[in-house]
Amino acid sequence: MDTQNFKVSSEKSLVEWIGKKVTGAHSGTIEVKEGNFTFENDKLLAGKFVISTKSITILDVEDAEANAQFASHLASDDFFNSDQYPDQTCRTR
């Protein structure tokens, strides 16, 4: 078996997101704090990455006040609850 492990470079990695709703969509980015992936015979075996919910940016709202209000809404307990959960871990198996 050929098993390979890869560490995610937080300096070179970024999650791009798209949130859709009935009236449209928004997009942005979130920083990756850390992560790793394991492949076996060129197939993903497992992976984990941690994102910083406090780093969320909205790219498609150009008005500074509206952008800040939207970012605050995403950081609230309606979505990420960034004060209580500043980091979120995502796993695959």
PDB file of N, CA and C in Angstrom:
ATOM      1  N   MET A   1       0.831  -1.190   0.000  1.00  0.00           N
ATOM      2  CA  MET A   1       0.000   0.000   0.000  1.00  0.00           C
ATOM      3  C   MET A   1       0.870   1.246   0.000  1.00  0.00           C
ATOM      4  N   ASP A   2       0.493   2.189  -0.794  1.00  0.00           N
ATOM      5  CA  ASP A   2       1.205   3.450  -0.894  1.00  0.00           C
ATOM      6  C   ASP A   2       0.415   4.523  -0.139  1.00  0.00           C
ATOM      7  N   THR A   3       0.857   4.856   1.081  1.00  0.00           N
ATOM      8  CA  THR A   3       0.176   5.857   1.897  1.00  0.00           C
ATOM      9  C   THR A   3       1.007   7.134   1.926  1.00  0.00           C
ATOM     10  N   GLN A   4       0.342   8.260   1.674  1.00  0.00           N
ATOM     11  CA  GLN A   4       1.020   9.555   1.685  1.00  0.00           C
ATOM     12  C   GLN A   4       0.260  10.501   2.607  1.00  0.00           C
ATOM     13  N   ASN A   5       1.004  11.268   3.400  1.00  0.00           N
ATOM     14  CA  ASN A   5       0.431  12.264   4.291  1.00  0.00           C
ATOM     15  C   ASN A   5       0.855  13.651   3.840  1.00  0.00           C
ATOM     16  N   PHE A   6      -0.079  14.564   3.839  1.00  0.00           N
ATOM     17  CA  PHE A   6       0.193  15.938   3.435  1.00  0.00           C
ATOM     18  C   PHE A   6      -0.284  16.891   4.510  1.00  0.00           C
ATOM     19  N   LYS A   7       0.564  17.845   4.839  1.00  0.00           N
ATOM     20  CA  LYS A   7       0.200  18.892   5.787  1.00  0.00           C
ATOM     21  C   LYS A   7      -0.227  20.122   4.989  1.00  0.00           C
ATOM     22  N   VAL A   8      -1.333  20.733   5.392  1.00  0.00           N
ATOM     23  CA  VAL A   8      -1.831  21.940   4.743  1.00  0.00           C
ATOM     24  C   VAL A   8      -0.986  23.127   5.192  1.00  0.00           C
ATOM     25  N   SER A   9      -0.563  23.933   4.243  1.00  0.00           N
ATOM     26  CA  SER A   9       0.172  25.150   4.544  1.00  0.00           C
ATOM     27  C   SER A   9      -0.836  26.269   4.796  1.00  0.00           C
ATOM     28  N   SER A  10      -0.950  26.716   6.037  1.00  0.00           N
ATOM     29  CA  SER A  10      -1.932  27.755   6.360  1.00  0.00           C
ATOM     30  C   SER A  10      -1.602  29.069   5.662  1.00  0.00           C
ATOM     31  N   GLU A  11      -0.336  29.322   5.394  1.00  0.00           N
ATOM     32  CA  GLU A  11       0.064  30.554   4.722  1.00  0.00           C
ATOM     33  C   GLU A  11      -0.366  30.575   3.251  1.00  0.00           C
ATOM     34  N   LYS A  12      -0.509  29.395   2.662  1.00  0.00           N
ATOM     35  CA  LYS A  12      -0.833  29.305   1.238  1.00  0.00           C
ATOM     36  C   LYS A  12      -2.249  28.810   0.976  1.00  0.00           C
ATOM     37  N   SER A  13      -3.043  28.599   2.047  1.00  0.00           N
ATOM     38  CA  SER A  13      -4.364  28.004   1.883  1.00  0.00           C
ATOM     39  C   SER A  13      -5.469  28.955   2.309  1.00  0.00           C
ATOM     40  N   LEU A  14      -6.590  28.840   1.627  1.00  0.00           N
ATOM     41  CA  LEU A  14      -7.747  29.680   1.878  1.00  0.00           C
ATOM     42  C   LEU A  14      -8.983  28.922   1.413  1.00  0.00           C
ATOM     43  N   VAL A  15     -10.034  28.968   2.196  1.00  0.00           N
ATOM     44  CA  VAL A  15     -11.292  28.358   1.778  1.00  0.00           C
ATOM     45  C   VAL A  15     -12.132  29.442   1.112  1.00  0.00           C
ATOM     46  N   GLU A  16     -12.595  29.163  -0.083  1.00  0.00           N
ATOM     47  CA  GLU A  16     -13.519  30.058  -0.770  1.00  0.00           C
ATOM     48  C   GLU A  16     -14.928  29.513  -0.546  1.00  0.00           C
ATOM     49  N   TRP A  17     -15.855  30.380  -0.168  1.00  0.00           N
ATOM     50  CA  TRP A  17     -17.215  29.932   0.109  1.00  0.00           C
ATOM     51  C   TRP A  17     -18.230  30.679  -0.740  1.00  0.00           C
ATOM     52  N   ILE A  18     -19.360  30.018  -0.959  1.00  0.00           N
ATOM     53  CA  ILE A  18     -20.520  30.616  -1.623  1.00  0.00           C
ATOM     54  C   ILE A  18     -21.731  30.254  -0.783  1.00  0.00           C
ATOM     55  N   GLY A  19     -22.475  31.271  -0.367  1.00  0.00           N
ATOM     56  CA  GLY A  19     -23.714  31.054   0.370  1.00  0.00           C
ATOM     57  C   GLY A  19     -24.879  31.468  -0.512  1.00  0.00           C
ATOM     58  N   LYS A  20     -25.815  30.546  -0.720  1.00  0.00           N
ATOM     59  CA  LYS A  20     -26.941  30.833  -1.609  1.00  0.00           C
ATOM     60  C   LYS A  20     -28.220  30.988  -0.802  1.00  0.00           C
ATOM     61  N   LYS A  21     -29.093  31.854  -1.310  1.00  0.00           N
ATOM     62  CA  LYS A  21     -30.413  32.068  -0.731  1.00  0.00           C
ATOM     63  C   LYS A  21     -31.398  32.267  -1.871  1.00  0.00           C
ATOM     64  N   VAL A  22     -32.663  32.344  -1.555  1.00  0.00           N
ATOM     65  CA  VAL A  22     -33.691  32.448  -2.583  1.00  0.00           C
ATOM     66  C   VAL A  22     -33.471  33.672  -3.472  1.00  0.00           C
ATOM     67  N   THR A  23     -33.033  34.772  -2.874  1.00  0.00           N
ATOM     68  CA  THR A  23     -32.887  36.028  -3.621  1.00  0.00           C
ATOM     69  C   THR A  23     -31.501  36.253  -4.206  1.00  0.00           C
ATOM     70  N   GLY A  24     -30.596  35.291  -4.072  1.00  0.00           N
ATOM     71  CA  GLY A  24     -29.259  35.473  -4.635  1.00  0.00           C
ATOM     72  C   GLY A  24     -28.206  34.662  -3.909  1.00  0.00           C
ATOM     73  N   ALA A  25     -26.985  35.166  -3.934  1.00  0.00           N
ATOM     74  CA  ALA A  25     -25.863  34.468  -3.310  1.00  0.00           C
ATOM     75  C   ALA A  25     -24.808  35.473  -2.890  1.00  0.00           C
ATOM     76  N   HIS A  26     -23.932  35.041  -1.986  1.00  0.00           N
ATOM     77  CA  HIS A  26     -22.780  35.833  -1.563  1.00  0.00           C
ATOM     78  C   HIS A  26     -21.555  34.931  -1.581  1.00  0.00           C
ATOM     79  N   SER A  27     -20.389  35.540  -1.650  1.00  0.00           N
ATOM     80  CA  SER A  27     -19.156  34.761  -1.663  1.00  0.00           C
ATOM     81  C   SER A  27     -18.090  35.444  -0.832  1.00  0.00           C
ATOM     82  N   GLY A  28     -17.106  34.645  -0.432  1.00  0.00           N
ATOM     83  CA  GLY A  28     -16.014  35.186   0.362  1.00  0.00           C
ATOM     84  C   GLY A  28     -14.955  34.136   0.637  1.00  0.00           C
ATOM     85  N   THR A  29     -14.168  34.401   1.666  1.00  0.00           N
ATOM     86  CA  THR A  29     -13.083  33.498   2.042  1.00  0.00           C
ATOM     87  C   THR A  29     -13.030  33.330   3.560  1.00  0.00           C
ATOM     88  N   ILE A  30     -12.377  32.249   3.982  1.00  0.00           N
ATOM     89  CA  ILE A  30     -12.096  31.971   5.392  1.00  0.00           C
ATOM     90  C   ILE A  30     -10.679  31.405   5.458  1.00  0.00           C
ATOM     91  N   GLU A  31      -9.897  31.860   6.429  1.00  0.00           N
ATOM     92  CA  GLU A  31      -8.524  31.376   6.576  1.00  0.00           C
ATOM     93  C   GLU A  31      -8.489  29.957   7.134  1.00  0.00           C
ATOM     94  N   VAL A  32      -7.529  29.183   6.658  1.00  0.00           N
ATOM     95  CA  VAL A  32      -7.274  27.840   7.170  1.00  0.00           C
ATOM     96  C   VAL A  32      -6.159  27.948   8.200  1.00  0.00           C
ATOM     97  N   LYS A  33      -6.412  27.488   9.426  1.00  0.00           N
ATOM     98  CA  LYS A  33      -5.397  27.538  10.479  1.00  0.00           C
ATOM     99  C   LYS A  33      -4.424  26.373  10.387  1.00  0.00           C
ATOM    100  N   GLU A  34      -4.964  25.178  10.096  1.00  0.00           N
ATOM    101  CA  GLU A  34      -4.120  23.988  10.000  1.00  0.00           C
ATOM    102  C   GLU A  34      -4.901  22.888   9.303  1.00  0.00           C
ATOM    103  N   GLY A  35      -4.203  21.850   8.905  1.00  0.00           N
ATOM    104  CA  GLY A  35      -4.887  20.725   8.291  1.00  0.00           C
ATOM    105  C   GLY A  35      -3.927  19.672   7.790  1.00  0.00           C
ATOM    106  N   ASN A  36      -4.493  18.511   7.484  1.00  0.00           N
ATOM    107  CA  ASN A  36      -3.704  17.425   6.915  1.00  0.00           C
ATOM    108  C   ASN A  36      -4.626  16.482   6.169  1.00  0.00           C
ATOM    109  N   PHE A  37      -4.049  15.776   5.217  1.00  0.00           N
ATOM    110  CA  PHE A  37      -4.781  14.806   4.410  1.00  0.00           C
ATOM    111  C   PHE A  37      -3.937  13.561   4.260  1.00  0.00           C
ATOM    112  N   THR A  38      -4.588  12.403   4.258  1.00  0.00           N
ATOM    113  CA  THR A  38      -3.912  11.133   4.058  1.00  0.00           C
ATOM    114  C   THR A  38      -4.522  10.448   2.839  1.00  0.00           C
ATOM    115  N   PHE A  39      -3.658  10.073   1.915  1.00  0.00           N
ATOM    116  CA  PHE A  39      -4.072   9.361   0.713  1.00  0.00           C
ATOM    117  C   PHE A  39      -3.482   7.961   0.753  1.00  0.00           C
ATOM    118  N   GLU A  40      -4.258   7.003   0.279  1.00  0.00           N
ATOM    119  CA  GLU A  40      -3.765   5.632   0.157  1.00  0.00           C
ATOM    120  C   GLU A  40      -4.080   5.171  -1.252  1.00  0.00           C
ATOM    121  N   ASN A  41      -3.036   4.795  -1.968  1.00  0.00           N
ATOM    122  CA  ASN A  41      -3.182   4.393  -3.375  1.00  0.00           C
ATOM    123  C   ASN A  41      -3.917   5.458  -4.182  1.00  0.00           C
ATOM    124  N   ASP A  42      -3.528   6.696  -3.986  1.00  0.00           N
ATOM    125  CA  ASP A  42      -4.073   7.861  -4.686  1.00  0.00           C
ATOM    126  C   ASP A  42      -5.542   8.152  -4.376  1.00  0.00           C
ATOM    127  N   LYS A  43      -6.104   7.582  -3.324  1.00  0.00           N
ATOM    128  CA  LYS A  43      -7.475   7.871  -2.908  1.00  0.00           C
ATOM    129  C   LYS A  43      -7.452   8.511  -1.525  1.00  0.00           C
ATOM    130  N   LEU A  44      -8.302   9.517  -1.334  1.00  0.00           N
ATOM    131  CA  LEU A  44      -8.375  10.193  -0.038  1.00  0.00           C
ATOM    132  C   LEU A  44      -8.857   9.213   1.017  1.00  0.00           C
ATOM    133  N   LEU A  45      -8.035   9.023   2.040  1.00  0.00           N
ATOM    134  CA  LEU A  45      -8.369   8.113   3.130  1.00  0.00           C
ATOM    135  C   LEU A  45      -8.953   8.883   4.312  1.00  0.00           C
ATOM    136  N   ALA A  46      -8.351  10.025   4.648  1.00  0.00           N
ATOM    137  CA  ALA A  46      -8.817  10.837   5.769  1.00  0.00           C
ATOM    138  C   ALA A  46      -8.270  12.250   5.617  1.00  0.00           C
ATOM    139  N   GLY A  47      -8.932  13.153   6.249  1.00  0.00           N
ATOM    140  CA  GLY A  47      -8.456  14.529   6.227  1.00  0.00           C
ATOM    141  C   GLY A  47      -9.088  15.344   7.325  1.00  0.00           C
ATOM    142  N   LYS A  48      -8.421  16.404   7.690  1.00  0.00           N
ATOM    143  CA  LYS A  48      -8.917  17.302   8.726  1.00  0.00           C
ATOM    144  C   LYS A  48      -8.363  18.682   8.434  1.00  0.00           C
ATOM    145  N   PHE A  49      -9.206  19.708   8.558  1.00  0.00           N
ATOM    146  CA  PHE A  49      -8.689  21.053   8.523  1.00  0.00           C
ATOM    147  C   PHE A  49      -9.478  21.918   9.485  1.00  0.00           C
ATOM    148  N   VAL A  50      -8.817  22.935   9.991  1.00  0.00           N
ATOM    149  CA  VAL A  50      -9.400  23.851  10.972  1.00  0.00           C
ATOM    150  C   VAL A  50      -9.463  25.227  10.338  1.00  0.00           C
ATOM    151  N   ILE A  51     -10.662  25.828  10.370  1.00  0.00           N
ATOM    152  CA  ILE A  51     -10.834  27.180   9.849  1.00  0.00           C
ATOM    153  C   ILE A  51     -11.037  28.147  11.000  1.00  0.00           C
ATOM    154  N   SER A  52     -10.661  29.395  10.776  1.00  0.00           N
ATOM    155  CA  SER A  52     -10.853  30.462  11.750  1.00  0.00           C
ATOM    156  C   SER A  52     -12.118  31.227  11.388  1.00  0.00           C
ATOM    157  N   THR A  53     -13.187  31.034  12.164  1.00  0.00           N
ATOM    158  CA  THR A  53     -14.453  31.691  11.841  1.00  0.00           C
ATOM    159  C   THR A  53     -14.374  33.211  11.984  1.00  0.00           C
ATOM    160  N   LYS A  54     -13.398  33.695  12.730  1.00  0.00           N
ATOM    161  CA  LYS A  54     -13.240  35.143  12.893  1.00  0.00           C
ATOM    162  C   LYS A  54     -12.559  35.784  11.685  1.00  0.00           C
ATOM    163  N   SER A  55     -12.083  34.974  10.744  1.00  0.00           N
ATOM    164  CA  SER A  55     -11.378  35.502   9.572  1.00  0.00           C
ATOM    165  C   SER A  55     -12.267  35.613   8.343  1.00  0.00           C
ATOM    166  N   ILE A  56     -13.556  35.371   8.496  1.00  0.00           N
ATOM    167  CA  ILE A  56     -14.441  35.362   7.334  1.00  0.00           C
ATOM    168  C   ILE A  56     -14.482  36.730   6.660  1.00  0.00           C
ATOM    169  N   THR A  57     -14.401  36.699   5.348  1.00  0.00           N
ATOM    170  CA  THR A  57     -14.525  37.927   4.561  1.00  0.00           C
ATOM    171  C   THR A  57     -15.629  37.738   3.533  1.00  0.00           C
ATOM    172  N   ILE A  58     -16.279  38.837   3.193  1.00  0.00           N
ATOM    173  CA  ILE A  58     -17.311  38.834   2.167  1.00  0.00           C
ATOM    174  C   ILE A  58     -16.755  39.615   0.991  1.00  0.00           C
ATOM    175  N   LEU A  59     -16.664  38.979  -0.150  1.00  0.00           N
ATOM    176  CA  LEU A  59     -16.017  39.599  -1.313  1.00  0.00           C
ATOM    177  C   LEU A  59     -16.977  40.348  -2.234  1.00  0.00           C
ATOM    178  N   ASP A  60     -18.255  40.023  -2.182  1.00  0.00           N
ATOM    179  CA  ASP A  60     -19.169  40.599  -3.162  1.00  0.00           C
ATOM    180  C   ASP A  60     -20.025  41.754  -2.625  1.00  0.00           C
ATOM    181  N   VAL A  61     -19.820  42.186  -1.398  1.00  0.00           N
ATOM    182  CA  VAL A  61     -20.537  43.336  -0.840  1.00  0.00           C
ATOM    183  C   VAL A  61     -19.530  44.473  -0.743  1.00  0.00           C
ATOM    184  N   GLU A  62     -19.639  45.444  -1.646  1.00  0.00           N
ATOM    185  CA  GLU A  62     -18.626  46.496  -1.751  1.00  0.00           C
ATOM    186  C   GLU A  62     -18.813  47.637  -0.753  1.00  0.00           C
ATOM    187  N   ASP A  63     -20.041  47.940  -0.358  1.00  0.00           N
ATOM    188  CA  ASP A  63     -20.287  49.003   0.608  1.00  0.00           C
ATOM    189  C   ASP A  63     -19.704  48.592   1.965  1.00  0.00           C
ATOM    190  N   ALA A  64     -18.791  49.397   2.499  1.00  0.00           N
ATOM    191  CA  ALA A  64     -18.065  49.041   3.723  1.00  0.00           C
ATOM    192  C   ALA A  64     -19.001  48.811   4.911  1.00  0.00           C
ATOM    193  N   GLU A  65     -19.996  49.648   5.063  1.00  0.00           N
ATOM    194  CA  GLU A  65     -20.919  49.513   6.196  1.00  0.00           C
ATOM    195  C   GLU A  65     -21.762  48.240   6.065  1.00  0.00           C
ATOM    196  N   ALA A  66     -22.276  47.979   4.872  1.00  0.00           N
ATOM    197  CA  ALA A  66     -23.071  46.771   4.639  1.00  0.00           C
ATOM    198  C   ALA A  66     -22.215  45.520   4.794  1.00  0.00           C
ATOM    199  N   ASN A  67     -20.961  45.586   4.343  1.00  0.00           N
ATOM    200  CA  ASN A  67     -20.051  44.459   4.458  1.00  0.00           C
ATOM    201  C   ASN A  67     -19.790  44.144   5.930  1.00  0.00           C
ATOM    202  N   ALA A  68     -19.515  45.180   6.733  1.00  0.00           N
ATOM    203  CA  ALA A  68     -19.250  44.982   8.162  1.00  0.00           C
ATOM    204  C   ALA A  68     -20.475  44.417   8.874  1.00  0.00           C
ATOM    205  N   GLN A  69     -21.656  44.888   8.505  1.00  0.00           N
ATOM    206  CA  GLN A  69     -22.894  44.400   9.109  1.00  0.00           C
ATOM    207  C   GLN A  69     -23.116  42.925   8.753  1.00  0.00           C
ATOM    208  N   PHE A  70     -22.869  42.567   7.509  1.00  0.00           N
ATOM    209  CA  PHE A  70     -23.022  41.186   7.068  1.00  0.00           C
ATOM    210  C   PHE A  70     -22.004  40.280   7.761  1.00  0.00           C
ATOM    211  N   ALA A  71     -20.758  40.727   7.854  1.00  0.00           N
ATOM    212  CA  ALA A  71     -19.716  39.945   8.532  1.00  0.00           C
ATOM    213  C   ALA A  71     -20.083  39.735   9.999  1.00  0.00           C
ATOM    214  N   SER A  72     -20.613  40.754  10.629  1.00  0.00           N
ATOM    215  CA  SER A  72     -21.053  40.641  12.018  1.00  0.00           C
ATOM    216  C   SER A  72     -22.183  39.630  12.152  1.00  0.00           C
ATOM    217  N   HIS A  73     -23.096  39.640  11.190  1.00  0.00           N
ATOM    218  CA  HIS A  73     -24.207  38.682  11.190  1.00  0.00           C
ATOM    219  C   HIS A  73     -23.690  37.252  11.047  1.00  0.00           C
ATOM    220  N   LEU A  74     -22.721  37.034  10.167  1.00  0.00           N
ATOM    221  CA  LEU A  74     -22.145  35.699   9.999  1.00  0.00           C
ATOM    222  C   LEU A  74     -21.383  35.248  11.249  1.00  0.00           C
ATOM    223  N   ALA A  75     -20.779  36.182  11.965  1.00  0.00           N
ATOM    224  CA  ALA A  75     -20.051  35.855  13.188  1.00  0.00           C
ATOM    225  C   ALA A  75     -20.991  35.618  14.375  1.00  0.00           C
ATOM    226  N   SER A  76     -22.251  36.047  14.247  1.00  0.00           N
ATOM    227  CA  SER A  76     -23.207  35.916  15.344  1.00  0.00           C
ATOM    228  C   SER A  76     -23.619  34.456  15.544  1.00  0.00           C
ATOM    229  N   ASP A  77     -24.398  34.226  16.604  1.00  0.00           N
ATOM    230  CA  ASP A  77     -24.845  32.859  16.860  1.00  0.00           C
ATOM    231  C   ASP A  77     -25.911  32.387  15.872  1.00  0.00           C
ATOM    232  N   ASP A  78     -26.324  33.250  14.943  1.00  0.00           N
ATOM    233  CA  ASP A  78     -27.195  32.804  13.853  1.00  0.00           C
ATOM    234  C   ASP A  78     -26.445  31.885  12.891  1.00  0.00           C
ATOM    235  N   PHE A  79     -25.108  32.057  12.823  1.00  0.00           N
ATOM    236  CA  PHE A  79     -24.292  31.270  11.898  1.00  0.00           C
ATOM    237  C   PHE A  79     -23.133  30.595  12.619  1.00  0.00           C
ATOM    238  N   PHE A  80     -21.975  31.255  12.685  1.00  0.00           N
ATOM    239  CA  PHE A  80     -20.768  30.621  13.219  1.00  0.00           C
ATOM    240  C   PHE A  80     -20.590  30.738  14.727  1.00  0.00           C
ATOM    241  N   ASN A  81     -21.230  31.724  15.359  1.00  0.00           N
ATOM    242  CA  ASN A  81     -21.036  31.975  16.786  1.00  0.00           C
ATOM    243  C   ASN A  81     -19.532  32.057  17.093  1.00  0.00           C
ATOM    244  N   SER A  82     -18.876  32.964  16.404  1.00  0.00           N
ATOM    245  CA  SER A  82     -17.413  33.065  16.432  1.00  0.00           C
ATOM    246  C   SER A  82     -16.831  33.368  17.805  1.00  0.00           C
ATOM    247  N   ASP A  83     -17.569  34.054  18.663  1.00  0.00           N
ATOM    248  CA  ASP A  83     -17.039  34.314  20.009  1.00  0.00           C
ATOM    249  C   ASP A  83     -16.897  33.025  20.799  1.00  0.00           C
ATOM    250  N   GLN A  84     -17.872  32.145  20.683  1.00  0.00           N
ATOM    251  CA  GLN A  84     -17.818  30.882  21.411  1.00  0.00           C
ATOM    252  C   GLN A  84     -17.020  29.822  20.657  1.00  0.00           C
ATOM    253  N   TYR A  85     -17.071  29.866  19.312  1.00  0.00           N
ATOM    254  CA  TYR A  85     -16.398  28.863  18.483  1.00  0.00           C
ATOM    255  C   TYR A  85     -15.516  29.552  17.438  1.00  0.00           C
ATOM    256  N   PRO A  86     -14.378  30.106  17.861  1.00  0.00           N
ATOM    257  CA  PRO A  86     -13.522  30.829  16.905  1.00  0.00           C
ATOM    258  C   PRO A  86     -12.883  29.921  15.850  1.00  0.00           C
ATOM    259  N   ASP A  87     -12.774  28.641  16.158  1.00  0.00           N
ATOM    260  CA  ASP A  87     -12.210  27.668  15.219  1.00  0.00           C
ATOM    261  C   ASP A  87     -13.227  26.555  14.991  1.00  0.00           C
ATOM    262  N   GLN A  88     -13.323  26.112  13.751  1.00  0.00           N
ATOM    263  CA  GLN A  88     -14.192  24.988  13.409  1.00  0.00           C
ATOM    264  C   GLN A  88     -13.348  23.921  12.724  1.00  0.00           C
ATOM    265  N   THR A  89     -13.537  22.687  13.132  1.00  0.00           N
ATOM    266  CA  THR A  89     -12.807  21.563  12.559  1.00  0.00           C
ATOM    267  C   THR A  89     -13.697  20.790  11.607  1.00  0.00           C
ATOM    268  N   CYS A  90     -13.173  20.509  10.449  1.00  0.00           N
ATOM    269  CA  CYS A  90     -13.883  19.727   9.436  1.00  0.00           C
ATOM    270  C   CYS A  90     -13.050  18.466   9.186  1.00  0.00           C
ATOM    271  N   ARG A  91     -13.741  17.340   9.118  1.00  0.00           N
ATOM    272  CA  ARG A  91     -13.049  16.052   8.910  1.00  0.00           C
ATOM    273  C   ARG A  91     -13.695  15.275   7.761  1.00  0.00           C
ATOM    274  N   THR A  92     -12.893  14.433   7.162  1.00  0.00           N
ATOM    275  CA  THR A  92     -13.391  13.482   6.173  1.00  0.00           C
ATOM    276  C   THR A  92     -12.803  12.118   6.508  1.00  0.00           C
ATOM    277  N   ARG A  93     -13.561  11.078   6.261  1.00  0.00           N
ATOM    278  CA  ARG A  93     -13.084   9.701   6.495  1.00  0.00           C
ATOM    279  C   ARG A  93     -13.684   8.807   5.483  1.00  0.00           C
TER     280      ARG A  93
END
